[in-house]
Amino acid sequence: MNDDDPSAKDTGGALGRGLRLLTALNDLETATVAGLVAETGLAKPTTIRLLKTLVTEGYAAQDPDTLTYAVTPRVSSLSRALVGRNQVDDAIQAVLDSLADSLKWPTEFLVPEGDSMVIRLNNRERAPIRLRLFERRRFPILESASGFAYLAELPGPERQARLDRLGLDDQAHQEVVDKIALVTTDGYASRRFPALAANMRVVSVAIPGGFGALSLVHFDDVVTLAMMEEALVPALRDAAERIGEHMGLKG
């Protein structure tokens, strides 16, 4: 059904499309209309109409120079009821900030959400080495180092159930299983991120208990493989253990 068809504009449908757009705008941090259309699958007229509503209601704003959109601080009011439940985030942020002081490179804390890993917290403001920000906060599990670190930590049956939900063919499934085995052997996952820079790499370790992953961003022509394995990875594992303890998970 065309989402611009008047018959489709029931209250529930309009609310669902609005929430989808707000979620995408929050994930992308800043976005053009075309970017939001590509991210949400909504028609362009619908996207423009919903953006106007979000701006009118104070949940989004448009930069007059770049014509891009971003969420406003009012969006945080939507999660006000969760503040008491998420006090552990302060403790996790302290772990990330300590990691920034010791390793200098920025680190992201990601959690699983559906078939993606989503950045929940980071230490980019604290890390002295400033790198270009990711264009989004959501990464497919099978296209990210954090995703493979997370999968490698899961118990066998739970991991298999998750892979089954991805609907992979036999060959793709075996390739994923082989990659997970390698991550298990190495104790970390690593992946190049050429979208930001040709020499940029992400290294990830799992949070104990399958809660998520820590990903550290660095340049592989600055950090050698030996430096990564002997300094960065052990520090990440230590931080992951502490985060697991804060989450009440078994290290």
Protein backbone atom coordinates (compact mmCIF):
# COMPACT_ATOMS: atom_id res chain seq x y z
CA MET A 1 0.00 0.00 0.00
CA ASN A 2 1.29 3.44 -0.92
CA ASP A 3 1.97 5.31 2.31
CA ASP A 4 0.69 8.49 0.62
CA ASP A 5 -2.66 6.87 -0.16
CA PRO A 6 -5.31 8.66 1.96
CA SER A 7 -6.75 5.27 2.92
CA ALA A 8 -3.41 4.42 4.50
CA LYS A 9 -3.41 7.45 6.77
CA ASP A 10 -5.04 5.83 9.76
CA THR A 11 -3.84 7.01 13.16
CA GLY A 12 -1.77 3.88 13.86
CA GLY A 13 -0.11 3.94 10.45
CA ALA A 14 0.79 7.61 10.68
CA LEU A 15 2.20 7.13 14.18
CA GLY A 16 4.25 4.15 13.05
CA ARG A 17 5.72 6.08 10.12
CA GLY A 18 6.48 9.05 12.36
CA LEU A 19 8.27 6.86 14.91
CA ARG A 20 10.21 5.13 12.14
CA LEU A 21 11.38 8.49 10.84
CA LEU A 22 12.28 9.79 14.32
CA THR A 23 14.25 6.60 15.05
CA ALA A 24 16.16 6.91 11.76
CA LEU A 25 16.90 10.59 12.39
CA ASN A 26 18.19 9.76 15.86
CA ASP A 27 20.37 6.92 14.49
CA LEU A 28 21.84 9.02 11.67
CA GLU A 29 22.36 12.07 13.92
CA THR A 30 22.18 14.41 10.90
CA ALA A 31 20.47 13.57 7.62
CA THR A 32 19.09 14.94 4.39
CA VAL A 33 15.61 14.18 3.13
CA ALA A 34 17.12 11.79 0.57
CA GLY A 35 19.10 10.03 3.30
CA LEU A 36 15.99 9.57 5.43
CA VAL A 37 14.03 8.24 2.46
CA ALA A 38 16.76 5.67 1.84
CA GLU A 39 17.00 4.75 5.54
CA THR A 40 13.26 4.38 6.23
CA GLY A 41 11.80 3.34 2.87
CA LEU A 42 9.16 6.04 3.23
CA ALA A 43 8.04 8.02 0.20
CA LYS A 44 9.63 11.45 -0.20
CA PRO A 45 6.35 13.40 0.23
CA THR A 46 5.62 11.42 3.41
CA THR A 47 9.13 12.04 4.74
CA ILE A 48 8.86 15.79 4.11
CA ARG A 49 5.41 15.96 5.71
CA LEU A 50 6.56 14.06 8.81
CA LEU A 51 9.71 16.17 9.11
CA LYS A 52 7.60 19.32 9.11
CA THR A 53 5.51 17.83 11.93
CA LEU A 54 8.61 16.89 13.95
CA VAL A 55 10.01 20.41 13.50
CA THR A 56 6.69 22.00 14.47
CA GLU A 57 6.46 19.84 17.60
CA GLY A 58 10.05 20.63 18.55
CA TYR A 59 11.56 17.15 18.11
CA ALA A 60 13.67 18.00 15.04
CA ALA A 61 15.39 21.05 13.58
CA GLN A 62 16.77 21.94 10.16
CA ASP A 63 20.17 23.50 9.65
CA PRO A 64 19.55 26.47 7.32
CA ASP A 65 23.04 26.24 5.83
CA THR A 66 23.27 22.50 5.06
CA LEU A 67 19.49 21.83 4.90
CA THR A 68 20.09 18.71 6.98
CA TYR A 69 17.87 17.63 9.85
CA ALA A 70 18.75 16.52 13.39
CA VAL A 71 16.85 15.69 16.55
CA THR A 72 16.59 18.31 19.30
CA PRO A 73 17.11 17.92 23.07
CA ARG A 74 13.36 17.49 23.42
CA VAL A 75 13.74 13.91 22.18
CA SER A 76 15.43 13.08 25.49
CA SER A 77 12.13 13.80 27.24
CA LEU A 78 10.70 10.67 25.62
CA SER A 79 13.05 8.52 27.73
CA ARG A 80 12.61 10.41 31.00
CA ALA A 81 10.77 7.47 32.58
CA LEU A 82 13.78 5.25 31.93
CA VAL A 83 16.27 7.36 33.85
CA GLY A 84 15.85 5.40 37.04
CA ARG A 85 16.33 2.12 35.19
CA ASN A 86 19.44 3.20 33.32
CA GLN A 87 21.57 4.61 36.10
CA VAL A 88 24.13 1.94 35.23
CA ASP A 89 24.94 3.99 32.11
CA ASP A 90 26.83 6.45 34.32
CA ALA A 91 29.05 3.64 35.58
CA ILE A 92 29.61 2.36 32.05
CA GLN A 93 30.48 5.85 30.83
CA ALA A 94 33.08 6.11 33.59
CA VAL A 95 34.67 2.89 32.30
CA LEU A 96 34.71 4.28 28.77
CA ASP A 97 36.20 7.59 29.90
CA SER A 98 38.95 5.75 31.78
CA LEU A 99 39.64 3.78 28.61
CA ALA A 100 39.93 7.02 26.64
CA ASP A 101 42.50 8.32 29.12
CA SER A 102 44.65 5.20 28.82
CA LEU A 103 44.33 4.25 25.14
CA LYS A 104 43.60 7.67 23.58
CA TRP A 105 41.60 6.15 20.71
CA PRO A 106 37.77 6.51 20.71
CA THR A 107 35.65 3.55 21.80
CA GLU A 108 31.99 2.73 21.23
CA PHE A 109 29.76 0.56 23.44
CA LEU A 110 27.25 -1.27 21.24
CA VAL A 111 24.25 -3.40 22.13
CA PRO A 112 22.21 -5.79 19.96
CA GLU A 113 18.88 -4.57 18.66
CA GLY A 114 17.10 -6.79 16.17
CA ASP A 115 19.60 -7.76 13.49
CA SER A 116 21.85 -4.78 14.21
CA MET A 117 24.37 -3.51 16.73
CA VAL A 118 23.53 -0.02 17.99
CA ILE A 119 25.93 2.46 19.60
CA ARG A 120 24.62 3.13 23.10
CA LEU A 121 27.53 5.06 24.61
CA ASN A 122 30.96 6.29 23.53
CA ASN A 123 33.96 8.22 24.83
CA ARG A 124 34.60 10.39 21.76
CA GLU A 125 34.38 13.63 23.73
CA ARG A 126 36.96 12.33 26.21
CA ALA A 127 39.36 10.58 23.81
CA PRO A 128 42.24 12.92 22.86
CA ILE A 129 42.54 11.38 19.39
CA ARG A 130 39.66 12.82 17.40
CA LEU A 131 38.45 10.80 14.43
CA ARG A 132 35.61 11.39 12.02
CA LEU A 133 32.27 10.30 13.46
CA PHE A 134 30.35 7.37 12.06
CA GLU A 135 27.51 8.52 9.82
CA ARG A 136 25.11 6.28 11.69
CA ARG A 137 24.71 4.53 15.01
CA ARG A 138 23.28 1.24 13.73
CA PHE A 139 25.33 -1.50 12.02
CA PRO A 140 24.15 -4.88 10.66
CA ILE A 141 25.42 -7.69 12.89
CA LEU A 142 27.07 -9.54 9.99
CA GLU A 143 28.73 -6.39 8.64
CA SER A 144 30.43 -5.22 11.83
CA ALA A 145 33.26 -6.29 14.09
CA SER A 146 31.01 -5.68 17.09
CA GLY A 147 28.43 -8.04 15.60
CA PHE A 148 30.90 -10.90 15.24
CA ALA A 149 32.37 -10.29 18.70
CA TYR A 150 28.84 -10.43 20.10
CA LEU A 151 27.93 -13.61 18.17
CA ALA A 152 31.11 -15.36 19.29
CA GLU A 153 30.16 -14.74 22.94
CA LEU A 154 26.67 -16.23 22.67
CA PRO A 155 26.01 -19.81 23.84
CA GLY A 156 25.77 -22.22 20.90
CA PRO A 157 21.98 -22.69 20.83
CA GLU A 158 21.29 -18.97 21.23
CA ARG A 159 23.80 -18.12 18.49
CA GLN A 160 22.28 -20.71 16.16
CA ALA A 161 18.78 -19.39 16.78
CA ARG A 162 19.94 -15.88 15.91
CA LEU A 163 21.67 -17.06 12.73
CA ASP A 164 18.55 -18.98 11.74
CA ARG A 165 16.54 -15.76 11.97
CA LEU A 166 18.89 -14.12 9.47
CA GLY A 167 17.78 -16.56 6.77
CA LEU A 168 21.24 -17.32 5.36
CA ASP A 169 21.77 -19.90 2.65
CA ASP A 170 24.05 -22.85 3.42
CA GLN A 171 27.20 -21.27 1.98
CA ALA A 172 26.70 -17.91 3.70
CA HIS A 173 25.88 -19.67 6.96
CA GLN A 174 29.11 -21.67 6.83
CA GLU A 175 31.14 -18.55 6.07
CA VAL A 176 29.65 -16.84 9.12
CA VAL A 177 30.32 -19.88 11.30
CA ASP A 178 33.95 -19.93 10.12
CA LYS A 179 34.37 -16.22 10.91
CA ILE A 180 32.89 -16.73 14.36
CA ALA A 181 35.32 -19.59 14.99
CA LEU A 182 38.22 -17.31 14.05
CA VAL A 183 36.96 -14.59 16.40
CA THR A 184 36.66 -17.17 19.18
CA THR A 185 40.25 -18.28 18.58
CA ASP A 186 41.64 -14.74 18.40
CA GLY A 187 39.54 -13.40 21.24
CA TYR A 188 38.52 -10.34 19.24
CA ALA A 189 36.97 -9.29 15.93
CA SER A 190 38.54 -6.80 13.54
CA ARG A 191 37.27 -5.07 10.42
CA ARG A 192 38.41 -2.29 8.12
CA PHE A 193 36.14 0.73 7.87
CA PRO A 194 37.08 2.39 4.54
CA ALA A 195 33.90 4.47 4.50
CA LEU A 196 35.63 6.88 6.88
CA ALA A 197 39.28 6.41 5.86
CA ALA A 198 41.28 3.89 3.84
CA ASN A 199 43.46 2.97 6.82
CA MET A 200 40.77 2.98 9.49
CA ARG A 201 40.12 -0.23 11.43
CA VAL A 202 37.71 -1.27 14.15
CA VAL A 203 38.63 -3.89 16.74
CA SER A 204 35.89 -5.32 18.97
CA VAL A 205 35.58 -7.53 22.03
CA ALA A 206 32.43 -8.96 23.56
CA ILE A 207 30.82 -7.88 26.80
CA PRO A 208 30.73 -11.06 28.93
CA GLY A 209 27.32 -12.69 28.97
CA GLY A 210 26.35 -11.67 25.45
CA PHE A 211 25.24 -8.16 26.39
CA GLY A 212 27.02 -6.38 23.55
CA ALA A 213 30.51 -5.33 22.48
CA LEU A 214 33.18 -2.65 22.77
CA SER A 215 34.66 -1.33 19.52
CA LEU A 216 37.81 0.76 19.35
CA VAL A 217 38.53 2.81 16.23
CA HIS A 218 42.13 3.34 15.11
CA PHE A 219 44.42 3.70 12.10
CA ASP A 220 46.19 0.47 11.19
CA ASP A 221 49.20 2.33 9.80
CA VAL A 222 49.69 3.85 13.27
CA VAL A 223 48.76 0.88 15.42
CA THR A 224 50.59 -2.30 14.43
CA LEU A 225 49.03 -5.74 14.81
CA ALA A 226 51.36 -6.42 17.74
CA MET A 227 50.36 -3.17 19.45
CA MET A 228 46.70 -3.96 18.91
CA GLU A 229 46.96 -7.49 20.33
CA GLU A 230 49.34 -6.67 23.19
CA ALA A 231 47.94 -3.33 24.35
CA LEU A 232 44.56 -2.40 22.90
CA VAL A 233 42.77 -5.75 23.06
CA PRO A 234 43.74 -6.57 26.69
CA ALA A 235 42.60 -3.10 27.79
CA LEU A 236 39.32 -3.54 25.92
CA ARG A 237 38.76 -6.93 27.54
CA ASP A 238 39.36 -5.47 30.98
CA ALA A 239 36.87 -2.68 30.29
CA ALA A 240 34.36 -5.22 28.93
CA GLU A 241 34.70 -7.26 32.12
CA ARG A 242 33.97 -4.18 34.24
CA ILE A 243 30.96 -3.28 32.10
CA GLY A 244 29.73 -6.86 32.45
CA GLU A 245 30.01 -6.54 36.22
CA HIS A 246 28.02 -3.31 36.17
CA MET A 247 25.33 -5.06 34.16
CA GLY A 248 25.17 -7.86 36.69
CA LEU A 249 26.57 -10.35 34.20
CA LYS A 250 29.08 -13.08 34.85
CA GLY A 251 32.56 -12.15 33.68
